[in-house]
Amino acid sequence: MRKHAAPSSPTLQSVMPSLPPTPDRVSEEAKPILNRGMTIAAFDGSFAPLVRPTVRRKTPWYKDRDYFLAGWLSPAIWKAAVVEAIATSCLVYVSLLAVSTLASYNTPRIGGYIGIFNTILLTIFIYATSPASGGHINPMITFSAILAGICPLPRGVLYICGQLLGASLAGGILIGVWGEDKAASIHGGGCFFTPSVTSAGQVFLNEVAASFVILYLSYGVGLDPRQAVLFGPRLGPLLVGASLGLVSFASSGIADGYGGAQANPARCFAAAIARKDMSCEYFSLSLSSD
């Protein structure tokens, strides 16, 4: 009597469609994607599931010396950090510019437009950036990935430095585009509140809660390796973008003079530079008294 092996759980390789071989592609398709001369950011915290390492560490990340020390001088990581800087600069520039454009139309439905815009914007940027750097484009995502053990410390620190540098560049460009008077009148395009209407404590609480929601959804739909197996490896960026769109829409009408949760320190840093005023910058929000 024939014995049948017990069915195994699906793996990423088993659910991925394969391309039909052709005479001019057989040898190339037989190579792993990382061995075709491509520079791809392959680490556990990438939003591109197909390039994540398949071999897991036996030592917990907080006991792994290489997690904290290996990679500081790696050219590949430095290149990825440069990509993060460029991507963050572009994303922040377009995001803050869109706020100025929507405000000029005096539309009463600005919350809905912001939600849809953020969904499309973040989705496109993650798709464009994740092969080269992992597609974080947000210091909050990178910092949480370091603490979660999926982004080694050297890569994370260089990414955050690159993201803030890119945000600084975007803020400086916006000053030139808007002019100082308009940049000040629209508060740099975001990350501000009116103290007479909303207290710093209320805004801080909303930022913490909204950021937690975005992190929970980003890890659940984008960074969890099981998500790629169950729902496909290409759907994550879209779902992460939708998560930001939902949260930004839900928090956009809390109070007058407050644009809602930002959940991206780089964006707030750029807005503060554009308006030349750090008093309401979210890095020092709890100390703001104006």
Protein backbone atom coordinates (compact mmCIF):
# COMPACT_ATOMS: atom_id res chain seq x y z
CA MET A 1 0.00 0.00 0.00
CA ARG A 2 1.41 3.39 -0.98
CA LYS A 3 2.14 5.90 1.72
CA HIS A 4 1.34 9.54 1.18
CA ALA A 5 3.35 12.27 2.82
CA ALA A 6 1.47 14.65 5.06
CA PRO A 7 0.63 17.93 3.36
CA SER A 8 3.07 20.66 4.28
CA SER A 9 2.24 24.30 4.92
CA PRO A 10 2.59 26.60 1.91
CA THR A 11 5.90 28.32 1.41
CA LEU A 12 6.74 31.47 -0.49
CA GLN A 13 8.40 29.48 -3.25
CA SER A 14 5.37 27.22 -3.66
CA VAL A 15 2.88 30.04 -4.12
CA MET A 16 4.99 32.27 -6.36
CA PRO A 17 4.20 32.00 -10.10
CA SER A 18 7.13 30.94 -12.26
CA LEU A 19 7.98 32.37 -15.67
CA PRO A 20 8.10 29.91 -18.57
CA PRO A 21 11.71 29.29 -19.64
CA THR A 22 12.85 30.57 -23.01
CA PRO A 23 16.12 29.76 -24.82
CA ASP A 24 17.60 33.20 -24.14
CA ARG A 25 16.50 33.28 -20.51
CA VAL A 26 17.09 29.79 -19.14
CA SER A 27 20.57 30.45 -17.78
CA GLU A 28 19.63 33.84 -16.36
CA GLU A 29 16.44 32.63 -14.69
CA ALA A 30 18.35 29.79 -13.08
CA LYS A 31 20.41 32.30 -11.11
CA PRO A 32 19.15 33.75 -7.82
CA ILE A 33 18.00 37.32 -8.25
CA LEU A 34 20.77 38.59 -5.94
CA ASN A 35 23.44 37.08 -8.20
CA ARG A 36 22.51 38.89 -11.41
CA GLY A 37 24.61 41.97 -10.79
CA MET A 38 21.75 43.82 -9.09
CA THR A 39 22.23 45.83 -5.90
CA ILE A 40 19.24 44.94 -3.75
CA ALA A 41 18.69 45.73 -0.07
CA ALA A 42 18.20 42.25 1.36
CA PHE A 43 17.31 42.44 5.05
CA ASP A 44 14.39 41.33 7.19
CA GLY A 45 12.93 44.83 7.47
CA SER A 46 12.45 45.35 3.73
CA PHE A 47 9.01 45.97 2.24
CA ALA A 48 10.08 43.76 -0.69
CA PRO A 49 9.44 40.23 0.67
CA LEU A 50 11.11 38.40 -2.21
CA VAL A 51 14.57 39.73 -1.34
CA ARG A 52 14.50 39.10 2.40
CA PRO A 53 17.09 36.62 3.72
CA THR A 54 15.83 33.04 3.78
CA VAL A 55 18.26 31.95 6.52
CA ARG A 56 17.19 33.03 9.97
CA ARG A 57 19.58 33.96 12.76
CA LYS A 58 20.02 31.35 15.46
CA THR A 59 21.08 34.01 17.98
CA PRO A 60 18.53 36.60 19.14
CA TRP A 61 19.23 40.00 17.64
CA TYR A 62 19.96 41.62 21.00
CA LYS A 63 22.71 39.06 21.61
CA ASP A 64 24.11 39.18 18.10
CA ARG A 65 27.27 41.28 17.94
CA ASP A 66 27.04 41.62 14.17
CA TYR A 67 23.58 43.18 14.51
CA PHE A 68 25.17 46.22 16.17
CA LEU A 69 28.62 46.35 14.59
CA ALA A 70 28.65 44.75 11.13
CA GLY A 71 27.93 46.98 8.15
CA TRP A 72 29.07 50.45 9.18
CA LEU A 73 31.54 50.56 6.29
CA SER A 74 29.48 48.52 3.81
CA PRO A 75 29.20 50.38 0.47
CA ALA A 76 25.86 48.68 -0.22
CA ILE A 77 24.32 50.02 3.00
CA TRP A 78 25.65 53.51 2.35
CA LYS A 79 24.18 53.42 -1.16
CA ALA A 80 20.84 52.31 0.29
CA ALA A 81 20.99 55.19 2.78
CA VAL A 82 21.51 57.62 -0.11
CA VAL A 83 18.44 56.14 -1.81
CA GLU A 84 16.47 56.65 1.41
CA ALA A 85 17.62 60.28 1.52
CA ILE A 86 16.54 60.93 -2.07
CA ALA A 87 13.23 59.10 -1.67
CA THR A 88 12.39 60.85 1.60
CA SER A 89 13.22 64.24 0.11
CA CYS A 90 10.96 63.60 -2.89
CA LEU A 91 8.10 62.17 -0.82
CA VAL A 92 8.17 64.98 1.73
CA TYR A 93 8.40 67.64 -0.97
CA VAL A 94 5.38 66.32 -2.86
CA SER A 95 3.41 65.73 0.34
CA LEU A 96 3.87 69.24 1.73
CA LEU A 97 3.35 70.79 -1.70
CA ALA A 98 0.01 68.99 -1.99
CA VAL A 99 -1.19 70.52 1.28
CA SER A 100 -0.46 73.99 -0.09
CA THR A 101 -2.32 73.17 -3.30
CA LEU A 102 -5.39 71.82 -1.50
CA ALA A 103 -5.47 74.83 0.80
CA SER A 104 -5.47 77.20 -2.19
CA TYR A 105 -8.68 75.59 -3.52
CA ASN A 106 -10.58 76.25 -0.26
CA THR A 107 -12.27 72.87 -0.53
CA PRO A 108 -14.44 71.72 2.40
CA ARG A 109 -13.52 68.07 1.75
CA ILE A 110 -9.79 68.41 2.36
CA GLY A 111 -9.72 65.42 4.74
CA GLY A 112 -10.93 63.00 2.09
CA TYR A 113 -8.51 64.32 -0.50
CA ILE A 114 -5.61 64.01 1.93
CA GLY A 115 -6.53 60.40 2.71
CA ILE A 116 -6.69 59.40 -0.95
CA PHE A 117 -3.55 61.36 -1.82
CA ASN A 118 -1.51 59.81 1.01
CA THR A 119 -2.59 56.32 -0.02
CA ILE A 120 -1.43 56.77 -3.60
CA LEU A 121 1.71 58.73 -2.70
CA LEU A 122 3.12 56.30 -0.14
CA THR A 123 2.22 53.23 -2.21
CA ILE A 124 4.09 54.50 -5.27
CA PHE A 125 7.15 55.52 -3.27
CA ILE A 126 7.40 52.18 -1.47
CA TYR A 127 7.15 50.30 -4.77
CA ALA A 128 9.82 52.56 -6.27
CA THR A 129 12.21 52.44 -3.32
CA SER A 130 11.91 49.02 -1.67
CA PRO A 131 14.19 47.11 -4.09
CA ALA A 132 17.10 49.49 -3.47
CA SER A 133 16.66 50.30 0.22
CA GLY A 134 13.67 48.45 1.66
CA GLY A 135 11.29 51.39 1.23
CA HIS A 136 11.11 52.76 4.78
CA ILE A 137 11.13 56.49 3.87
CA ASN A 138 10.18 57.24 7.48
CA PRO A 139 12.40 57.43 10.58
CA MET A 140 9.57 56.01 12.67
CA ILE A 141 9.48 52.83 10.59
CA THR A 142 13.27 52.49 10.62
CA PHE A 143 13.61 53.09 14.37
CA SER A 144 10.88 50.57 15.17
CA ALA A 145 12.50 48.04 12.82
CA ILE A 146 15.78 48.39 14.73
CA LEU A 147 14.01 47.67 18.02
CA ALA A 148 12.10 44.78 16.44
CA GLY A 149 15.33 43.11 15.36
CA ILE A 150 14.67 43.26 11.62
CA CYS A 151 16.94 46.18 10.70
CA PRO A 152 20.58 46.00 11.87
CA LEU A 153 21.77 49.05 13.79
CA PRO A 154 24.27 50.32 11.18
CA ARG A 155 21.67 50.23 8.42
CA GLY A 156 19.05 51.82 10.67
CA VAL A 157 21.25 54.68 11.86
CA LEU A 158 22.44 55.48 8.34
CA TYR A 159 18.86 55.32 7.06
CA ILE A 160 17.59 57.76 9.71
CA CYS A 161 20.46 60.17 9.01
CA GLY A 162 19.70 59.97 5.29
CA GLN A 163 15.97 60.49 5.84
CA LEU A 164 16.51 63.60 7.95
CA LEU A 165 19.05 64.94 5.47
CA GLY A 166 16.58 64.42 2.64
CA ALA A 167 13.84 66.12 4.66
CA SER A 168 16.14 69.10 5.27
CA LEU A 169 16.72 69.42 1.55
CA ALA A 170 12.98 69.28 0.85
CA GLY A 171 12.29 71.97 3.45
CA GLY A 172 14.92 74.25 1.94
CA ILE A 173 13.54 73.78 -1.57
CA LEU A 174 10.02 74.58 -0.36
CA ILE A 175 11.21 77.89 1.06
CA GLY A 176 12.47 78.79 -2.41
CA VAL A 177 9.28 77.57 -4.11
CA TRP A 178 6.81 79.28 -1.76
CA GLY A 179 8.80 82.22 -0.50
CA GLU A 180 9.25 82.92 3.19
CA ASP A 181 5.93 84.74 3.64
CA LYS A 182 3.76 82.01 2.14
CA ALA A 183 5.75 79.26 3.86
CA ALA A 184 5.07 80.95 7.19
CA SER A 185 1.39 81.59 6.41
CA ILE A 186 0.69 77.91 5.66
CA HIS A 187 2.91 76.72 8.53
CA GLY A 188 5.31 74.95 6.20
CA GLY A 189 2.54 72.68 4.92
CA GLY A 190 1.99 70.58 8.02
CA CYS A 191 2.84 69.51 11.56
CA PHE A 192 1.34 72.42 13.46
CA PHE A 193 -1.49 73.08 15.87
CA THR A 194 -3.24 76.06 17.46
CA PRO A 195 -2.51 76.10 21.22
CA SER A 196 -5.65 78.12 21.97
CA VAL A 197 -7.79 75.32 20.51
CA THR A 198 -5.78 72.15 21.13
CA SER A 199 -3.21 71.54 23.83
CA ALA A 200 0.19 70.00 23.20
CA GLY A 201 -0.83 67.04 25.35
CA GLN A 202 -3.88 66.29 23.19
CA VAL A 203 -1.84 66.46 20.00
CA PHE A 204 0.92 64.32 21.49
CA LEU A 205 -1.61 61.68 22.58
CA ASN A 206 -3.17 61.57 19.12
CA GLU A 207 0.26 61.27 17.50
CA VAL A 208 1.23 58.37 19.76
CA ALA A 209 -2.05 56.52 19.18
CA ALA A 210 -2.08 57.11 15.42
CA SER A 211 1.58 56.15 15.07
CA PHE A 212 0.91 52.91 16.94
CA VAL A 213 -1.96 52.10 14.58
CA ILE A 214 0.21 52.75 11.53
CA LEU A 215 3.06 50.65 12.94
CA TYR A 216 0.68 47.80 13.77
CA LEU A 217 -0.79 47.81 10.27
CA SER A 218 2.57 48.31 8.54
CA TYR A 219 4.04 45.29 10.27
CA GLY A 220 0.88 43.24 9.83
CA VAL A 221 0.42 43.85 6.10
CA GLY A 222 3.94 44.71 4.99
CA LEU A 223 6.75 43.38 7.17
CA ASP A 224 5.28 40.14 8.53
CA PRO A 225 6.78 37.31 6.41
CA ARG A 226 3.53 35.34 6.71
CA GLN A 227 1.68 38.12 4.90
CA ALA A 228 3.65 37.55 1.70
CA VAL A 229 2.84 33.84 1.76
CA LEU A 230 -0.87 34.26 2.40
CA PHE A 231 -1.74 37.33 0.34
CA GLY A 232 1.10 37.65 -2.14
CA PRO A 233 4.43 39.48 -2.00
CA ARG A 234 3.34 42.44 -4.11
CA LEU A 235 0.32 43.63 -2.13
CA GLY A 236 2.15 44.91 0.96
CA PRO A 237 3.07 48.44 -0.24
CA LEU A 238 -0.50 49.13 -1.34
CA LEU A 239 -1.87 48.06 2.03
CA VAL A 240 0.71 50.14 3.90
CA GLY A 241 -0.27 53.17 1.81
CA ALA A 242 -3.94 52.50 2.52
CA SER A 243 -3.17 52.32 6.24
CA LEU A 244 -1.64 55.79 6.18
CA GLY A 245 -4.54 57.11 4.12
CA LEU A 246 -7.10 55.81 6.61
CA VAL A 247 -5.31 57.18 9.66
CA SER A 248 -4.63 60.59 8.10
CA PHE A 249 -8.27 60.90 7.02
CA ALA A 250 -9.62 59.77 10.40
CA SER A 251 -7.53 62.30 12.32
CA SER A 252 -7.79 65.25 9.93
CA GLY A 253 -10.88 66.82 11.52
CA ILE A 254 -10.11 66.53 15.23
CA ALA A 255 -9.85 70.28 15.83
CA ASP A 256 -9.46 73.56 13.97
CA GLY A 257 -5.86 74.52 13.42
CA TYR A 258 -4.62 70.93 13.63
CA GLY A 259 -4.08 68.90 10.48
CA GLY A 260 -4.22 65.49 12.13
CA ALA A 261 -1.66 62.81 12.81
CA GLN A 262 1.56 63.03 10.80
CA ALA A 263 3.36 59.81 11.85
CA ASN A 264 6.52 60.78 9.98
CA PRO A 265 9.20 62.79 11.82
CA ALA A 266 10.99 63.53 8.54
CA ARG A 267 7.91 65.25 7.15
CA CYS A 268 7.55 67.37 10.28
CA PHE A 269 11.24 68.22 10.20
CA ALA A 270 10.91 69.48 6.64
CA ALA A 271 7.80 71.52 7.49
CA ALA A 272 9.60 73.14 10.44
CA ILE A 273 12.53 74.08 8.22
CA ALA A 274 10.19 75.50 5.56
CA ARG A 275 8.45 77.79 8.04
CA LYS A 276 11.71 78.52 9.92
CA ASP A 277 10.08 77.73 13.23
CA MET A 278 10.83 74.72 15.41
CA SER A 279 8.58 75.75 18.31
CA CYS A 280 5.77 73.41 17.21
CA GLU A 281 8.05 70.77 15.72
CA TYR A 282 6.96 67.33 16.85
CA PHE A 283 10.41 66.35 18.08
CA SER A 284 9.95 68.87 20.91
CA LEU A 285 6.15 68.81 21.05
CA SER A 286 5.95 67.93 24.74
CA LEU A 287 8.09 71.00 25.55
CA SER A 288 6.10 73.43 23.41
CA SER A 289 4.45 76.18 25.41
CA ASP A 290 3.41 78.63 22.72
